[in-house]
Amino acid sequence: MTSYKLTLSIGYVNGNREEEITVEDMGYTEEEWDELTPEEKDLKLEAHWTDWSNNYIEGGWEKED
């Protein structure tokens, strides 16, 4: 089973998160994953990481007068 480690850090002690995911967690079978090019895999992993990391980050901006 192919797996990847996702990491996120905000620069503070204990301000990090790690999680191991499999291709199945991303909605692919091993066979489907193996058919993707390395570039396609990178794009899928980047999109999954972005979605995953947004679950742990809050923030925003507002104009101050």
Protein backbone atom coordinates (compact mmCIF):
# COMPACT_ATOMS: atom_id res chain seq x y z
CA MET A 1 0.00 0.00 0.00
CA THR A 2 1.47 3.34 -1.08
CA SER A 3 1.47 5.96 1.67
CA TYR A 4 2.68 9.52 2.12
CA LYS A 5 3.34 11.68 5.18
CA LEU A 6 1.66 15.07 5.29
CA THR A 7 3.26 17.73 7.46
CA LEU A 8 2.29 21.21 8.56
CA SER A 9 4.17 23.65 10.78
CA ILE A 10 3.38 27.21 11.82
CA GLY A 11 6.80 27.88 13.31
CA TYR A 12 6.01 27.47 17.01
CA VAL A 13 6.97 24.70 19.41
CA ASN A 14 4.23 22.07 19.18
CA GLY A 15 2.71 24.08 16.33
CA ASN A 16 2.92 21.22 13.90
CA ARG A 17 0.85 18.34 12.60
CA GLU A 18 1.68 15.09 10.82
CA GLU A 19 -0.57 12.52 9.26
CA GLU A 20 0.05 9.48 7.11
CA ILE A 21 -2.31 8.94 4.20
CA THR A 22 -2.67 6.26 1.57
CA VAL A 23 -3.66 6.58 -2.05
CA GLU A 24 -6.97 5.02 -1.02
CA ASP A 25 -7.51 7.95 1.38
CA MET A 26 -7.27 10.20 -1.67
CA GLY A 27 -9.85 8.12 -3.54
CA TYR A 28 -7.57 6.05 -5.78
CA THR A 29 -6.87 2.36 -6.10
CA GLU A 30 -3.24 1.29 -6.27
CA GLU A 31 -3.75 0.46 -9.96
CA GLU A 32 -5.19 3.91 -10.74
CA TRP A 33 -2.36 5.59 -8.82
CA ASP A 34 0.29 3.57 -10.65
CA GLU A 35 -1.10 4.75 -14.01
CA LEU A 36 -0.54 8.43 -13.15
CA THR A 37 2.62 10.22 -14.24
CA PRO A 38 4.93 11.61 -11.54
CA GLU A 39 3.69 15.11 -12.42
CA GLU A 40 0.04 14.05 -12.04
CA LYS A 41 0.83 12.44 -8.70
CA ASP A 42 2.52 15.65 -7.52
CA LEU A 43 -0.54 17.70 -8.49
CA LYS A 44 -2.91 15.28 -6.73
CA LEU A 45 -0.75 15.26 -3.59
CA GLU A 46 -0.47 19.06 -3.59
CA ALA A 47 -4.25 19.45 -3.90
CA HIS A 48 -4.84 16.91 -1.12
CA TRP A 49 -2.27 18.60 1.14
CA THR A 50 -3.86 22.01 0.54
CA ASP A 51 -7.31 20.69 1.44
CA TRP A 52 -5.93 18.78 4.45
CA SER A 53 -3.90 21.73 5.78
CA ASN A 54 -6.88 24.08 5.53
CA ASN A 55 -8.58 21.93 8.17
CA TYR A 56 -5.92 23.00 10.70
CA ILE A 57 -5.27 26.65 9.83
CA GLU A 58 -7.48 29.60 10.63
CA GLY A 59 -6.76 33.14 9.73
CA GLY A 60 -7.71 36.05 7.62
CA TRP A 61 -7.25 39.73 7.20
CA GLU A 62 -9.22 42.89 7.63
CA LYS A 63 -8.56 46.54 6.95
CA GLU A 64 -7.71 48.61 9.98
CA ASP A 65 -8.37 52.33 9.99
